[in-house]
Amino acid sequence: MEDQNKDNQLNIELNEETAEGIYSNLAIITHSNTEFVLDFIRVMPGIPKARVKSRIILTPEHAKRLVHALEDNISKFEAINGRIKTQEEPPGFPMNFGGPTAQA
């Protein structure tokens, strides 16, 4: 049984640059019949232009798995730290720069 587990293991490498991460305070989610596209953006107050910092493209099945994984992790976080408070509209910057409407 132990040999079978070794065959099913996946080694994942994380280089220093990727490990630093990219801060994002806006996500725009679009989809077609074959894929979901998640664009992560950093919006700065007082700056009327924002760039996509990272784009992730997922199959519909993997997008659904991501949603379930996020729900599970948020539940675990809230069980330890208390409910995460959310606002309908984040204050301090406009959410629409003439492009698609954000969904997060």
C-alpha atoms as a PDB file:
ATOM      1  CA  MET A   1       0.000   0.000   0.000  1.00  0.00           C
ATOM      2  CA  GLU A   2       2.859   2.374   0.766  1.00  0.00           C
ATOM      3  CA  ASP A   3       4.312   1.980  -2.763  1.00  0.00           C
ATOM      4  CA  GLN A   4       0.925   2.835  -4.252  1.00  0.00           C
ATOM      5  CA  ASN A   5       0.793   6.111  -2.256  1.00  0.00           C
ATOM      6  CA  LYS A   6       4.265   7.071  -3.533  1.00  0.00           C
ATOM      7  CA  ASP A   7       3.078   6.626  -7.124  1.00  0.00           C
ATOM      8  CA  ASN A   8       0.130   8.967  -6.500  1.00  0.00           C
ATOM      9  CA  GLN A   9       2.208  11.773  -4.942  1.00  0.00           C
ATOM     10  CA  LEU A  10       2.768  14.995  -6.823  1.00  0.00           C
ATOM     11  CA  ASN A  11       5.857  17.093  -6.250  1.00  0.00           C
ATOM     12  CA  ILE A  12       5.053  20.782  -6.524  1.00  0.00           C
ATOM     13  CA  GLU A  13       7.832  23.331  -6.906  1.00  0.00           C
ATOM     14  CA  LEU A  14       7.449  26.920  -5.748  1.00  0.00           C
ATOM     15  CA  ASN A  15      10.155  29.360  -6.773  1.00  0.00           C
ATOM     16  CA  GLU A  16      10.945  32.475  -4.707  1.00  0.00           C
ATOM     17  CA  GLU A  17       9.291  34.945  -7.085  1.00  0.00           C
ATOM     18  CA  THR A  18       6.029  33.010  -7.181  1.00  0.00           C
ATOM     19  CA  ALA A  19       6.142  32.404  -3.415  1.00  0.00           C
ATOM     20  CA  GLU A  20       6.056  36.177  -2.829  1.00  0.00           C
ATOM     21  CA  GLY A  21       2.583  36.256  -4.346  1.00  0.00           C
ATOM     22  CA  ILE A  22       0.756  39.097  -6.057  1.00  0.00           C
ATOM     23  CA  TYR A  23      -1.608  41.357  -4.124  1.00  0.00           C
ATOM     24  CA  SER A  24      -5.038  41.762  -5.696  1.00  0.00           C
ATOM     25  CA  ASN A  25      -8.089  43.656  -4.433  1.00  0.00           C
ATOM     26  CA  LEU A  26     -10.349  43.064  -7.439  1.00  0.00           C
ATOM     27  CA  ALA A  27     -11.208  39.956  -9.437  1.00  0.00           C
ATOM     28  CA  ILE A  28     -13.048  39.891 -12.737  1.00  0.00           C
ATOM     29  CA  ILE A  29     -14.502  36.531 -13.674  1.00  0.00           C
ATOM     30  CA  THR A  30     -15.666  35.689 -17.173  1.00  0.00           C
ATOM     31  CA  HIS A  31     -16.502  32.388 -18.812  1.00  0.00           C
ATOM     32  CA  SER A  32     -17.239  30.615 -22.060  1.00  0.00           C
ATOM     33  CA  ASN A  33     -18.740  27.176 -22.539  1.00  0.00           C
ATOM     34  CA  THR A  34     -15.269  25.600 -22.110  1.00  0.00           C
ATOM     35  CA  GLU A  35     -13.368  27.744 -19.602  1.00  0.00           C
ATOM     36  CA  PHE A  36     -13.482  30.217 -16.724  1.00  0.00           C
ATOM     37  CA  VAL A  37     -11.068  33.155 -16.765  1.00  0.00           C
ATOM     38  CA  LEU A  38     -10.112  34.807 -13.464  1.00  0.00           C
ATOM     39  CA  ASP A  39      -8.330  38.135 -13.810  1.00  0.00           C
ATOM     40  CA  PHE A  40      -6.744  39.445 -10.621  1.00  0.00           C
ATOM     41  CA  ILE A  41      -6.257  43.214 -10.497  1.00  0.00           C
ATOM     42  CA  ARG A  42      -4.739  45.684  -8.064  1.00  0.00           C
ATOM     43  CA  VAL A  43      -6.740  48.922  -7.914  1.00  0.00           C
ATOM     44  CA  MET A  44      -5.088  51.894  -6.219  1.00  0.00           C
ATOM     45  CA  PRO A  45      -7.124  54.815  -4.830  1.00  0.00           C
ATOM     46  CA  GLY A  46      -6.906  57.934  -6.960  1.00  0.00           C
ATOM     47  CA  ILE A  47      -5.450  56.123  -9.979  1.00  0.00           C
ATOM     48  CA  PRO A  48      -8.035  55.766 -12.752  1.00  0.00           C
ATOM     49  CA  LYS A  49      -6.247  52.874 -14.490  1.00  0.00           C
ATOM     50  CA  ALA A  50      -5.562  49.364 -13.204  1.00  0.00           C
ATOM     51  CA  ARG A  51      -3.711  46.455 -14.769  1.00  0.00           C
ATOM     52  CA  VAL A  52      -4.401  42.756 -14.623  1.00  0.00           C
ATOM     53  CA  LYS A  53      -1.645  41.348 -12.403  1.00  0.00           C
ATOM     54  CA  SER A  54      -2.452  37.679 -12.961  1.00  0.00           C
ATOM     55  CA  ARG A  55      -4.808  35.629 -15.130  1.00  0.00           C
ATOM     56  CA  ILE A  56      -5.867  32.081 -14.297  1.00  0.00           C
ATOM     57  CA  ILE A  57      -7.762  29.974 -16.847  1.00  0.00           C
ATOM     58  CA  LEU A  58      -9.703  26.962 -15.546  1.00  0.00           C
ATOM     59  CA  THR A  59     -11.947  24.291 -16.955  1.00  0.00           C
ATOM     60  CA  PRO A  60     -15.526  24.438 -15.612  1.00  0.00           C
ATOM     61  CA  GLU A  61     -14.855  21.339 -13.486  1.00  0.00           C
ATOM     62  CA  HIS A  62     -11.737  22.866 -11.927  1.00  0.00           C
ATOM     63  CA  ALA A  63     -13.560  26.171 -11.355  1.00  0.00           C
ATOM     64  CA  LYS A  64     -16.216  24.301  -9.370  1.00  0.00           C
ATOM     65  CA  ARG A  65     -13.536  22.463  -7.391  1.00  0.00           C
ATOM     66  CA  LEU A  66     -11.905  25.822  -6.618  1.00  0.00           C
ATOM     67  CA  VAL A  67     -15.216  27.185  -5.322  1.00  0.00           C
ATOM     68  CA  HIS A  68     -15.633  24.171  -3.025  1.00  0.00           C
ATOM     69  CA  ALA A  69     -12.032  24.448  -1.790  1.00  0.00           C
ATOM     70  CA  LEU A  70     -12.510  28.172  -1.054  1.00  0.00           C
ATOM     71  CA  GLU A  71     -15.789  27.519   0.772  1.00  0.00           C
ATOM     72  CA  ASP A  72     -14.113  24.832   2.874  1.00  0.00           C
ATOM     73  CA  ASN A  73     -11.138  27.044   3.730  1.00  0.00           C
ATOM     74  CA  ILE A  74     -13.335  30.056   4.527  1.00  0.00           C
ATOM     75  CA  SER A  75     -15.440  27.891   6.869  1.00  0.00           C
ATOM     76  CA  LYS A  76     -12.302  26.689   8.651  1.00  0.00           C
ATOM     77  CA  PHE A  77     -10.931  30.254   8.876  1.00  0.00           C
ATOM     78  CA  GLU A  78     -14.206  31.600  10.279  1.00  0.00           C
ATOM     79  CA  ALA A  79     -14.429  28.771  12.811  1.00  0.00           C
ATOM     80  CA  ILE A  80     -11.117  29.969  14.272  1.00  0.00           C
ATOM     81  CA  ASN A  81     -11.217  33.728  13.613  1.00  0.00           C
ATOM     82  CA  GLY A  82     -14.908  34.620  13.483  1.00  0.00           C
ATOM     83  CA  ARG A  83     -17.120  35.656  10.605  1.00  0.00           C
ATOM     84  CA  ILE A  84     -15.517  37.610   7.774  1.00  0.00           C
ATOM     85  CA  LYS A  85     -17.372  40.898   7.328  1.00  0.00           C
ATOM     86  CA  THR A  86     -18.097  41.960   3.760  1.00  0.00           C
ATOM     87  CA  GLN A  87     -19.460  45.154   2.235  1.00  0.00           C
ATOM     88  CA  GLU A  88     -21.651  45.375  -0.833  1.00  0.00           C
ATOM     89  CA  GLU A  89     -19.374  47.945  -2.470  1.00  0.00           C
ATOM     90  CA  PRO A  90     -15.784  48.499  -1.310  1.00  0.00           C
ATOM     91  CA  PRO A  91     -15.262  52.154  -0.379  1.00  0.00           C
ATOM     92  CA  GLY A  92     -12.683  54.498  -1.829  1.00  0.00           C
ATOM     93  CA  PHE A  93     -12.422  53.557  -5.488  1.00  0.00           C
ATOM     94  CA  PRO A  94     -14.731  53.057  -8.454  1.00  0.00           C
ATOM     95  CA  MET A  95     -15.357  49.458  -9.449  1.00  0.00           C
ATOM     96  CA  ASN A  96     -15.963  50.052 -13.151  1.00  0.00           C
ATOM     97  CA  PHE A  97     -13.397  51.565 -15.496  1.00  0.00           C
ATOM     98  CA  GLY A  98     -15.474  51.039 -18.623  1.00  0.00           C
ATOM     99  CA  GLY A  99     -14.691  47.311 -18.811  1.00  0.00           C
ATOM    100  CA  PRO A 100     -16.585  44.260 -17.660  1.00  0.00           C
ATOM    101  CA  THR A 101     -18.379  44.341 -14.328  1.00  0.00           C
ATOM    102  CA  ALA A 102     -16.478  42.652 -11.512  1.00  0.00           C
ATOM    103  CA  GLN A 103     -17.755  39.470  -9.906  1.00  0.00           C
ATOM    104  CA  ALA A 104     -15.955  38.188  -6.857  1.00  0.00           C
END
